Amino acid sequence: MAIETTTLGVLGLIAIMTLTTLVTRFGGVFIMSFLRISPRIESFINTMASSVLIAIIVPMAVSGDLGALAALVATGVSMLMLRKPLPAIAIGLLAAALVRYFG
């Protein structure tokens, strides 16, 4: 199946992706409303979040450019020092921007 890359085709793809995102997000909340959050389920949720984060970071670390590596190192070091995610993310973005601008 192929969708043409006309304006209508692109808008259709955006609508399909929007519906898919909404169904998965609301569906997860709906399903979790029937479950009691036990320590086992909480552990699963925490582990799943970490594994998704690792799945995003590892390919970037392996095949990313110098800006990506600078962002990873800067974010990691600042997270260890500050223990606050938002400033660490901002520092990582700034590091990537500076390396890509001057490099």
C-alpha atoms as a PDB file:
ATOM      1  CA  MET A   1       0.000   0.000   0.000  1.00  0.00           C
ATOM      2  CA  ALA A   2       1.357   3.394  -0.950  1.00  0.00           C
ATOM      3  CA  ILE A   3       0.107   6.834  -0.028  1.00  0.00           C
ATOM      4  CA  GLU A   4       0.818   9.631  -2.464  1.00  0.00           C
ATOM      5  CA  THR A   5       2.907  12.501  -1.160  1.00  0.00           C
ATOM      6  CA  THR A   6       0.404  15.104  -2.206  1.00  0.00           C
ATOM      7  CA  THR A   7      -1.031  17.563   0.271  1.00  0.00           C
ATOM      8  CA  LEU A   8      -4.027  15.313   0.908  1.00  0.00           C
ATOM      9  CA  GLY A   9      -1.807  12.260   1.337  1.00  0.00           C
ATOM     10  CA  VAL A  10       0.455  14.028   3.837  1.00  0.00           C
ATOM     11  CA  LEU A  11      -2.544  15.297   5.805  1.00  0.00           C
ATOM     12  CA  GLY A  12      -3.943  11.759   5.809  1.00  0.00           C
ATOM     13  CA  LEU A  13      -0.671  10.404   7.190  1.00  0.00           C
ATOM     14  CA  ILE A  14      -0.640  13.057   9.902  1.00  0.00           C
ATOM     15  CA  ALA A  15      -4.233  12.153  10.835  1.00  0.00           C
ATOM     16  CA  ILE A  16      -3.382   8.431  10.984  1.00  0.00           C
ATOM     17  CA  MET A  17      -0.318   9.083  13.164  1.00  0.00           C
ATOM     18  CA  THR A  18      -2.358  11.371  15.428  1.00  0.00           C
ATOM     19  CA  LEU A  19      -5.066   8.750  15.898  1.00  0.00           C
ATOM     20  CA  THR A  20      -2.495   6.035  16.560  1.00  0.00           C
ATOM     21  CA  THR A  21      -0.783   8.174  19.194  1.00  0.00           C
ATOM     22  CA  LEU A  22      -4.067   9.075  20.891  1.00  0.00           C
ATOM     23  CA  VAL A  23      -5.318   5.482  20.929  1.00  0.00           C
ATOM     24  CA  THR A  24      -2.085   4.145  22.431  1.00  0.00           C
ATOM     25  CA  ARG A  25      -1.852   6.880  25.063  1.00  0.00           C
ATOM     26  CA  PHE A  26      -5.500   6.852  26.109  1.00  0.00           C
ATOM     27  CA  GLY A  27      -5.638   3.081  25.762  1.00  0.00           C
ATOM     28  CA  GLY A  28      -2.760   2.665  28.184  1.00  0.00           C
ATOM     29  CA  VAL A  29      -4.414   4.938  30.736  1.00  0.00           C
ATOM     30  CA  PHE A  30      -7.723   3.106  30.238  1.00  0.00           C
ATOM     31  CA  ILE A  31      -6.174  -0.328  30.743  1.00  0.00           C
ATOM     32  CA  MET A  32      -4.168   0.829  33.760  1.00  0.00           C
ATOM     33  CA  SER A  33      -7.358   2.151  35.373  1.00  0.00           C
ATOM     34  CA  PHE A  34      -8.417  -1.481  35.860  1.00  0.00           C
ATOM     35  CA  LEU A  35      -5.163  -2.563  37.500  1.00  0.00           C
ATOM     36  CA  ARG A  36      -4.024  -2.048  41.053  1.00  0.00           C
ATOM     37  CA  ILE A  37      -0.502  -0.650  40.985  1.00  0.00           C
ATOM     38  CA  SER A  38       1.395  -3.319  42.870  1.00  0.00           C
ATOM     39  CA  PRO A  39       5.150  -3.159  43.483  1.00  0.00           C
ATOM     40  CA  ARG A  40       5.621  -5.628  40.633  1.00  0.00           C
ATOM     41  CA  ILE A  41       3.681  -3.462  38.153  1.00  0.00           C
ATOM     42  CA  GLU A  42       5.468  -0.327  39.353  1.00  0.00           C
ATOM     43  CA  SER A  43       8.814  -2.054  38.843  1.00  0.00           C
ATOM     44  CA  PHE A  44       7.752  -3.066  35.315  1.00  0.00           C
ATOM     45  CA  ILE A  45       6.748   0.511  34.462  1.00  0.00           C
ATOM     46  CA  ASN A  46      10.021   1.941  35.787  1.00  0.00           C
ATOM     47  CA  THR A  47      12.067  -0.689  33.946  1.00  0.00           C
ATOM     48  CA  MET A  48      10.171  -0.113  30.706  1.00  0.00           C
ATOM     49  CA  ALA A  49      10.821   3.641  30.871  1.00  0.00           C
ATOM     50  CA  SER A  50      14.537   3.019  31.359  1.00  0.00           C
ATOM     51  CA  SER A  51      14.720   0.535  28.501  1.00  0.00           C
ATOM     52  CA  VAL A  52      13.026   2.966  26.107  1.00  0.00           C
ATOM     53  CA  LEU A  53      15.470   5.687  27.114  1.00  0.00           C
ATOM     54  CA  ILE A  54      18.418   3.344  26.578  1.00  0.00           C
ATOM     55  CA  ALA A  55      17.017   2.273  23.190  1.00  0.00           C
ATOM     56  CA  ILE A  56      17.036   5.922  22.121  1.00  0.00           C
ATOM     57  CA  ILE A  57      20.444   6.844  23.533  1.00  0.00           C
ATOM     58  CA  VAL A  58      22.612   3.870  22.505  1.00  0.00           C
ATOM     59  CA  PRO A  59      22.210   4.212  18.706  1.00  0.00           C
ATOM     60  CA  MET A  60      22.923   7.925  19.008  1.00  0.00           C
ATOM     61  CA  ALA A  61      26.071   7.208  21.028  1.00  0.00           C
ATOM     62  CA  VAL A  62      27.268   4.584  18.555  1.00  0.00           C
ATOM     63  CA  SER A  63      26.551   6.307  15.250  1.00  0.00           C
ATOM     64  CA  GLY A  64      25.982   9.942  16.197  1.00  0.00           C
ATOM     65  CA  ASP A  65      28.130  12.856  15.161  1.00  0.00           C
ATOM     66  CA  LEU A  66      30.384  14.871  17.459  1.00  0.00           C
ATOM     67  CA  GLY A  67      27.467  17.107  18.496  1.00  0.00           C
ATOM     68  CA  ALA A  68      25.422  14.112  19.619  1.00  0.00           C
ATOM     69  CA  LEU A  69      28.323  12.725  21.629  1.00  0.00           C
ATOM     70  CA  ALA A  70      28.938  16.124  23.238  1.00  0.00           C
ATOM     71  CA  ALA A  71      25.257  16.319  24.171  1.00  0.00           C
ATOM     72  CA  LEU A  72      25.324  12.844  25.725  1.00  0.00           C
ATOM     73  CA  VAL A  73      28.460  13.528  27.748  1.00  0.00           C
ATOM     74  CA  ALA A  74      27.336  16.993  28.863  1.00  0.00           C
ATOM     75  CA  THR A  75      23.886  15.743  29.832  1.00  0.00           C
ATOM     76  CA  GLY A  76      25.284  12.754  31.709  1.00  0.00           C
ATOM     77  CA  VAL A  77      27.863  14.769  33.641  1.00  0.00           C
ATOM     78  CA  SER A  78      25.452  17.569  34.489  1.00  0.00           C
ATOM     79  CA  MET A  79      22.797  15.059  35.572  1.00  0.00           C
ATOM     80  CA  LEU A  80      25.289  13.427  37.937  1.00  0.00           C
ATOM     81  CA  MET A  81      26.288  16.821  39.338  1.00  0.00           C
ATOM     82  CA  LEU A  82      22.912  18.597  39.463  1.00  0.00           C
ATOM     83  CA  ARG A  83      20.517  15.648  39.855  1.00  0.00           C
ATOM     84  CA  LYS A  84      17.871  17.630  37.966  1.00  0.00           C
ATOM     85  CA  PRO A  85      16.773  16.498  34.501  1.00  0.00           C
ATOM     86  CA  LEU A  86      15.629  19.765  32.910  1.00  0.00           C
ATOM     87  CA  PRO A  87      18.853  21.728  33.485  1.00  0.00           C
ATOM     88  CA  ALA A  88      20.827  18.660  32.367  1.00  0.00           C
ATOM     89  CA  ILE A  89      18.820  18.464  29.140  1.00  0.00           C
ATOM     90  CA  ALA A  90      19.316  22.191  28.546  1.00  0.00           C
ATOM     91  CA  ILE A  91      23.074  21.822  29.053  1.00  0.00           C
ATOM     92  CA  GLY A  92      23.130  18.881  26.629  1.00  0.00           C
ATOM     93  CA  LEU A  93      21.241  20.856  23.993  1.00  0.00           C
ATOM     94  CA  LEU A  94      23.590  23.792  24.452  1.00  0.00           C
ATOM     95  CA  ALA A  95      26.633  21.514  24.126  1.00  0.00           C
ATOM     96  CA  ALA A  96      25.308  19.997  20.894  1.00  0.00           C
ATOM     97  CA  ALA A  97      24.474  23.417  19.489  1.00  0.00           C
ATOM     98  CA  LEU A  98      27.901  24.824  20.325  1.00  0.00           C
ATOM     99  CA  VAL A  99      29.793  21.848  18.880  1.00  0.00           C
ATOM    100  CA  ARG A 100      27.728  21.893  15.694  1.00  0.00           C
ATOM    101  CA  TYR A 101      27.996  25.669  15.324  1.00  0.00           C
ATOM    102  CA  PHE A 102      31.741  25.932  15.884  1.00  0.00           C
ATOM    103  CA  GLY A 103      32.713  22.485  14.563  1.00  0.00           C
END
